[in-house]
Structures are given as C-alpha cells and as structure tokens.
Amino acid sequence: MTNLIKALVWSAAAFAAVVSLPAQSKSGILQPQMTVGADGGTYSKPMGTLGEKPAQPWSSTTIGASVDGKPNPGGAVKTVTGEIVDFSCYLEVGKHGEKHRDCAQKCMRNGEPIGLLTQDGTLYMLMAEEHDPRRDGQTTFRQMAIDHAGHIMQVTGTEWSLNGYHALYVQGTAKK
C-alpha cells in the first residue's frame, strides 16, 4: 500500500471518528454570574409558590380538548423550585436574574414563553394547564409569572417531557 493510500485511509478513519462523536450538551445554569436579587428567594427558601396541587394531572378542559378524550400519557403532578425566566432570552443569550428582570417582563408581556430554571440547569416551559381558559385568555398565570420574573419560586403543575423538552402545566390560575 502506498503512503498516499495509507494517508487517505487514515484521514477517512479519523474523520469518521470525529463525525460520530456525540454533540456536547450544556449542563448547569448558563451565565451563572447573573444572580437573583437578595429579596428574590433562594432554592432552599423560594420567594413564594405558583399553582395548586390538582386532584388529577389533567383538568376536565384538557381531557375534553384532547384527541379522543385521551391526553398524552405520563403527565404526573410535580413541584419544582426554580427561577422564573424569559425562556427565549435565556436560551438565546443566557440572561436571567435580577439584572435581566425588566427585559424578561417586557418579553413575557409581549408573548414570549415563560420558563422555570432549576438549580441544576433544567429548563421547564411553564403554561397554564386548563386548556379552554388558557386558550381563551381566562387565566391569571401569565401575569403571575411576569410579576415573579427573576424570582425563585416553587411551582406545582403537571409535568410532561418529550424528546428532551420539559414542560410544567400549572393549575389553579383560571379566573373565577
């Protein structure tokens, strides 16, 4: 075998090894230097709570809106502690904490998704659970989350994960 062929075979093998390496994923909190203010709670002592512990994971309006009356399986009620963040700013540029609070509130008021950032860096998308009230703008959830942007809160809701995405559907925010 000539040196040129040996070099080509070696190069092809090295390229295949590099291409087959798994992509590195980030873990932990992005931009950890951006912190929650002193009065915004801590992971061990959250500022407050959002959501009520429901009797069933999915509300009657969610069951009624689901395909054939069967919501996606696997939803379990869970309480998670984390910082309320603007989902889009956090993923795009890693911003969160007290210094980002005003921007997060503006983004959330204009429809950007709301997130919950846990101490280990897990990011949940937060949404009101009750399907019809959520759809029709009859929940107080968005305003509650906006009020607590940049604060560490304890949030209870129905957890659902799919393909690496995490969501927490919060009950008890439908306007009465």
C-alpha atoms as a PDB file:
ATOM      1  CA  MET A   1       0.000   0.000   0.000  1.00  0.00           C
ATOM      2  CA  THR A   2       1.418   3.351  -0.950  1.00  0.00           C
ATOM      3  CA  ASN A   3       1.922   6.140   1.546  1.00  0.00           C
ATOM      4  CA  LEU A   4      -0.755   8.214  -0.222  1.00  0.00           C
ATOM      5  CA  ILE A   5      -3.359   5.435   0.125  1.00  0.00           C
ATOM      6  CA  LYS A   6      -2.359   4.864   3.772  1.00  0.00           C
ATOM      7  CA  ALA A   7      -2.757   8.603   4.449  1.00  0.00           C
ATOM      8  CA  LEU A   8      -6.176   8.662   2.755  1.00  0.00           C
ATOM      9  CA  VAL A   9      -7.390   5.631   4.735  1.00  0.00           C
ATOM     10  CA  TRP A  10      -6.061   7.136   7.978  1.00  0.00           C
ATOM     11  CA  SER A  11      -7.724  10.510   7.188  1.00  0.00           C
ATOM     12  CA  ALA A  12     -11.057   8.841   6.394  1.00  0.00           C
ATOM     13  CA  ALA A  13     -10.954   6.829   9.638  1.00  0.00           C
ATOM     14  CA  ALA A  14     -10.105   9.938  11.693  1.00  0.00           C
ATOM     15  CA  PHE A  15     -12.901  11.933  10.014  1.00  0.00           C
ATOM     16  CA  ALA A  16     -15.423   9.143  10.689  1.00  0.00           C
ATOM     17  CA  ALA A  17     -14.418   9.033  14.353  1.00  0.00           C
ATOM     18  CA  VAL A  18     -14.859  12.788  14.769  1.00  0.00           C
ATOM     19  CA  VAL A  19     -18.182  12.873  12.919  1.00  0.00           C
ATOM     20  CA  SER A  20     -19.580  10.044  15.064  1.00  0.00           C
ATOM     21  CA  LEU A  21     -18.788  11.767  18.377  1.00  0.00           C
ATOM     22  CA  PRO A  22     -21.939  12.842  20.211  1.00  0.00           C
ATOM     23  CA  ALA A  23     -22.618  16.573  20.401  1.00  0.00           C
ATOM     24  CA  GLN A  24     -21.680  18.130  23.705  1.00  0.00           C
ATOM     25  CA  SER A  25     -24.667  19.393  25.630  1.00  0.00           C
ATOM     26  CA  LYS A  26     -24.549  22.177  28.164  1.00  0.00           C
ATOM     27  CA  SER A  27     -25.485  21.409  31.724  1.00  0.00           C
ATOM     28  CA  GLY A  28     -25.824  23.700  34.656  1.00  0.00           C
ATOM     29  CA  ILE A  29     -27.023  27.275  34.625  1.00  0.00           C
ATOM     30  CA  LEU A  30     -25.926  29.432  31.688  1.00  0.00           C
ATOM     31  CA  GLN A  31     -24.274  32.688  32.739  1.00  0.00           C
ATOM     32  CA  PRO A  32     -24.196  31.813  36.475  1.00  0.00           C
ATOM     33  CA  GLN A  33     -22.804  35.262  37.276  1.00  0.00           C
ATOM     34  CA  MET A  34     -26.330  36.641  36.661  1.00  0.00           C
ATOM     35  CA  THR A  35     -27.991  36.060  40.025  1.00  0.00           C
ATOM     36  CA  VAL A  36     -31.343  36.535  41.672  1.00  0.00           C
ATOM     37  CA  GLY A  37     -31.587  39.568  43.961  1.00  0.00           C
ATOM     38  CA  ALA A  38     -31.418  39.174  47.749  1.00  0.00           C
ATOM     39  CA  ASP A  39     -35.197  39.563  48.108  1.00  0.00           C
ATOM     40  CA  GLY A  40     -35.982  37.203  45.197  1.00  0.00           C
ATOM     41  CA  GLY A  41     -35.770  33.964  47.176  1.00  0.00           C
ATOM     42  CA  THR A  42     -33.291  31.091  47.138  1.00  0.00           C
ATOM     43  CA  TYR A  43     -33.502  27.481  46.033  1.00  0.00           C
ATOM     44  CA  SER A  44     -33.751  26.424  49.679  1.00  0.00           C
ATOM     45  CA  LYS A  45     -36.218  29.225  50.560  1.00  0.00           C
ATOM     46  CA  PRO A  46     -38.254  30.187  47.479  1.00  0.00           C
ATOM     47  CA  MET A  47     -39.929  33.595  47.427  1.00  0.00           C
ATOM     48  CA  GLY A  48     -43.387  32.027  47.004  1.00  0.00           C
ATOM     49  CA  THR A  49     -45.494  29.473  45.195  1.00  0.00           C
ATOM     50  CA  LEU A  50     -47.364  29.246  41.914  1.00  0.00           C
ATOM     51  CA  GLY A  51     -50.003  26.635  41.131  1.00  0.00           C
ATOM     52  CA  GLU A  52     -52.212  24.339  43.126  1.00  0.00           C
ATOM     53  CA  LYS A  53     -51.797  20.609  43.568  1.00  0.00           C
ATOM     54  CA  PRO A  54     -54.587  19.163  41.432  1.00  0.00           C
ATOM     55  CA  ALA A  55     -56.580  16.029  42.218  1.00  0.00           C
ATOM     56  CA  GLN A  56     -55.867  14.778  38.677  1.00  0.00           C
ATOM     57  CA  PRO A  57     -52.886  15.577  36.425  1.00  0.00           C
ATOM     58  CA  TRP A  58     -55.088  16.948  33.620  1.00  0.00           C
ATOM     59  CA  SER A  59     -58.147  19.175  34.044  1.00  0.00           C
ATOM     60  CA  SER A  60     -61.525  18.367  32.510  1.00  0.00           C
ATOM     61  CA  THR A  61     -60.996  21.023  29.812  1.00  0.00           C
ATOM     62  CA  THR A  62     -57.680  19.425  28.820  1.00  0.00           C
ATOM     63  CA  ILE A  63     -59.269  15.973  28.691  1.00  0.00           C
ATOM     64  CA  GLY A  64     -62.172  17.395  26.660  1.00  0.00           C
ATOM     65  CA  ALA A  65     -59.793  19.087  24.205  1.00  0.00           C
ATOM     66  CA  SER A  66     -57.556  16.044  23.757  1.00  0.00           C
ATOM     67  CA  VAL A  67     -57.691  13.617  20.843  1.00  0.00           C
ATOM     68  CA  ASP A  68     -60.399  11.027  21.546  1.00  0.00           C
ATOM     69  CA  GLY A  69     -60.633  12.308  25.145  1.00  0.00           C
ATOM     70  CA  LYS A  70     -57.185  10.908  25.963  1.00  0.00           C
ATOM     71  CA  PRO A  71     -54.446  13.423  26.853  1.00  0.00           C
ATOM     72  CA  ASN A  72     -50.861  12.371  26.343  1.00  0.00           C
ATOM     73  CA  PRO A  73     -49.869   9.722  28.879  1.00  0.00           C
ATOM     74  CA  GLY A  74     -47.211  10.171  31.502  1.00  0.00           C
ATOM     75  CA  GLY A  75     -48.193  13.501  32.984  1.00  0.00           C
ATOM     76  CA  ALA A  76     -47.541  13.474  36.727  1.00  0.00           C
ATOM     77  CA  VAL A  77     -48.094  16.197  39.288  1.00  0.00           C
ATOM     78  CA  LYS A  78     -44.761  17.601  40.424  1.00  0.00           C
ATOM     79  CA  THR A  79     -43.467  20.537  42.481  1.00  0.00           C
ATOM     80  CA  VAL A  80     -40.307  22.143  41.117  1.00  0.00           C
ATOM     81  CA  THR A  81     -38.253  25.028  42.524  1.00  0.00           C
ATOM     82  CA  GLY A  82     -36.559  27.420  40.137  1.00  0.00           C
ATOM     83  CA  GLU A  83     -36.147  30.917  38.798  1.00  0.00           C
ATOM     84  CA  ILE A  84     -38.914  32.333  36.596  1.00  0.00           C
ATOM     85  CA  VAL A  85     -37.132  33.285  33.366  1.00  0.00           C
ATOM     86  CA  ASP A  86     -37.922  34.523  29.898  1.00  0.00           C
ATOM     87  CA  PHE A  87     -37.458  31.251  28.015  1.00  0.00           C
ATOM     88  CA  SER A  88     -36.303  32.896  24.783  1.00  0.00           C
ATOM     89  CA  CYS A  89     -33.702  35.285  26.279  1.00  0.00           C
ATOM     90  CA  TYR A  90     -32.326  32.512  28.471  1.00  0.00           C
ATOM     91  CA  LEU A  91     -31.831  30.087  25.578  1.00  0.00           C
ATOM     92  CA  GLU A  92     -30.599  32.743  23.158  1.00  0.00           C
ATOM     93  CA  VAL A  93     -28.122  34.669  25.330  1.00  0.00           C
ATOM     94  CA  GLY A  94     -28.210  33.059  28.788  1.00  0.00           C
ATOM     95  CA  LYS A  95     -29.792  36.051  30.518  1.00  0.00           C
ATOM     96  CA  HIS A  96     -31.664  35.684  33.802  1.00  0.00           C
ATOM     97  CA  GLY A  97     -31.537  37.036  37.335  1.00  0.00           C
ATOM     98  CA  GLU A  98     -32.245  40.439  38.836  1.00  0.00           C
ATOM     99  CA  LYS A  99     -30.351  42.425  36.173  1.00  0.00           C
ATOM    100  CA  HIS A 100     -32.494  40.839  33.442  1.00  0.00           C
ATOM    101  CA  ARG A 101     -35.842  41.169  35.266  1.00  0.00           C
ATOM    102  CA  ASP A 102     -37.160  44.229  33.356  1.00  0.00           C
ATOM    103  CA  CYS A 103     -36.266  42.754  29.966  1.00  0.00           C
ATOM    104  CA  ALA A 104     -37.807  39.395  30.911  1.00  0.00           C
ATOM    105  CA  GLN A 105     -41.028  41.094  31.968  1.00  0.00           C
ATOM    106  CA  LYS A 106     -41.219  43.046  28.689  1.00  0.00           C
ATOM    107  CA  CYS A 107     -40.630  39.903  26.655  1.00  0.00           C
ATOM    108  CA  MET A 108     -43.219  37.936  28.627  1.00  0.00           C
ATOM    109  CA  ARG A 109     -45.802  40.750  28.295  1.00  0.00           C
ATOM    110  CA  ASN A 110     -45.309  40.534  24.548  1.00  0.00           C
ATOM    111  CA  GLY A 111     -45.968  36.802  24.384  1.00  0.00           C
ATOM    112  CA  GLU A 112     -42.543  35.223  24.749  1.00  0.00           C
ATOM    113  CA  PRO A 113     -42.633  31.834  26.501  1.00  0.00           C
ATOM    114  CA  ILE A 114     -42.131  31.610  30.254  1.00  0.00           C
ATOM    115  CA  GLY A 115     -39.583  29.254  31.778  1.00  0.00           C
ATOM    116  CA  LEU A 116     -38.542  27.826  35.118  1.00  0.00           C
ATOM    117  CA  LEU A 117     -34.789  27.394  35.568  1.00  0.00           C
ATOM    118  CA  THR A 118     -33.837  24.843  38.229  1.00  0.00           C
ATOM    119  CA  GLN A 119     -30.641  24.822  40.268  1.00  0.00           C
ATOM    120  CA  ASP A 120     -29.198  22.013  38.123  1.00  0.00           C
ATOM    121  CA  GLY A 121     -29.886  23.954  34.903  1.00  0.00           C
ATOM    122  CA  THR A 122     -33.015  22.088  33.792  1.00  0.00           C
ATOM    123  CA  LEU A 123     -35.324  24.465  31.944  1.00  0.00           C
ATOM    124  CA  TYR A 124     -39.092  23.914  32.005  1.00  0.00           C
ATOM    125  CA  MET A 125     -41.555  25.755  29.812  1.00  0.00           C
ATOM    126  CA  LEU A 126     -44.399  26.970  32.051  1.00  0.00           C
ATOM    127  CA  MET A 127     -48.015  27.194  30.890  1.00  0.00           C
ATOM    128  CA  ALA A 128     -51.459  27.387  32.419  1.00  0.00           C
ATOM    129  CA  GLU A 129     -52.895  23.849  32.410  1.00  0.00           C
ATOM    130  CA  GLU A 130     -56.621  24.426  31.949  1.00  0.00           C
ATOM    131  CA  HIS A 131     -56.914  24.151  28.165  1.00  0.00           C
ATOM    132  CA  ASP A 132     -60.021  26.219  27.351  1.00  0.00           C
ATOM    133  CA  PRO A 133     -59.380  29.032  29.864  1.00  0.00           C
ATOM    134  CA  ARG A 134     -55.744  29.181  28.702  1.00  0.00           C
ATOM    135  CA  ARG A 135     -56.769  29.297  25.066  1.00  0.00           C
ATOM    136  CA  ASP A 136     -59.380  31.990  25.713  1.00  0.00           C
ATOM    137  CA  GLY A 137     -57.129  34.237  27.845  1.00  0.00           C
ATOM    138  CA  GLN A 138     -59.056  33.468  31.032  1.00  0.00           C
ATOM    139  CA  THR A 139     -56.181  32.590  33.336  1.00  0.00           C
ATOM    140  CA  THR A 140     -54.037  34.720  35.620  1.00  0.00           C
ATOM    141  CA  PHE A 141     -50.946  32.571  35.111  1.00  0.00           C
ATOM    142  CA  ARG A 142     -49.063  34.806  32.651  1.00  0.00           C
ATOM    143  CA  GLN A 143     -49.426  37.886  34.866  1.00  0.00           C
ATOM    144  CA  MET A 144     -48.429  35.906  37.961  1.00  0.00           C
ATOM    145  CA  ALA A 145     -45.283  34.698  36.199  1.00  0.00           C
ATOM    146  CA  ILE A 146     -44.481  38.200  34.882  1.00  0.00           C
ATOM    147  CA  ASP A 147     -44.789  39.568  38.419  1.00  0.00           C
ATOM    148  CA  HIS A 148     -42.225  36.989  39.588  1.00  0.00           C
ATOM    149  CA  ALA A 149     -39.713  37.162  36.718  1.00  0.00           C
ATOM    150  CA  GLY A 150     -36.223  36.874  38.174  1.00  0.00           C
ATOM    151  CA  HIS A 151     -37.521  35.363  41.415  1.00  0.00           C
ATOM    152  CA  ILE A 152     -37.036  31.827  42.668  1.00  0.00           C
ATOM    153  CA  MET A 153     -40.454  30.226  43.108  1.00  0.00           C
ATOM    154  CA  GLN A 154     -41.878  26.832  43.963  1.00  0.00           C
ATOM    155  CA  VAL A 155     -44.153  25.794  41.080  1.00  0.00           C
ATOM    156  CA  THR A 156     -46.633  22.915  41.160  1.00  0.00           C
ATOM    157  CA  GLY A 157     -48.138  21.503  38.000  1.00  0.00           C
ATOM    158  CA  THR A 158     -48.437  18.570  35.658  1.00  0.00           C
ATOM    159  CA  GLU A 159     -45.052  17.654  34.236  1.00  0.00           C
ATOM    160  CA  TRP A 160     -44.681  16.471  30.674  1.00  0.00           C
ATOM    161  CA  SER A 161     -41.411  15.755  28.877  1.00  0.00           C
ATOM    162  CA  LEU A 162     -40.934  14.864  25.246  1.00  0.00           C
ATOM    163  CA  ASN A 163     -37.702  14.438  23.282  1.00  0.00           C
ATOM    164  CA  GLY A 164     -35.656  16.351  25.851  1.00  0.00           C
ATOM    165  CA  TYR A 165     -38.128  19.215  26.253  1.00  0.00           C
ATOM    166  CA  HIS A 166     -39.661  19.755  29.702  1.00  0.00           C
ATOM    167  CA  ALA A 167     -42.979  21.448  30.462  1.00  0.00           C
ATOM    168  CA  LEU A 168     -44.923  22.157  33.623  1.00  0.00           C
ATOM    169  CA  TYR A 169     -48.646  22.884  33.227  1.00  0.00           C
ATOM    170  CA  VAL A 170     -49.821  24.954  36.194  1.00  0.00           C
ATOM    171  CA  GLN A 171     -53.381  24.555  37.534  1.00  0.00           C
ATOM    172  CA  GLY A 172     -55.386  26.900  39.682  1.00  0.00           C
ATOM    173  CA  THR A 173     -54.982  30.058  37.623  1.00  0.00           C
ATOM    174  CA  ALA A 174     -58.334  30.092  35.810  1.00  0.00           C
ATOM    175  CA  LYS A 175     -60.262  33.310  36.511  1.00  0.00           C
ATOM    176  CA  LYS A 176     -63.284  32.614  38.658  1.00  0.00           C
END
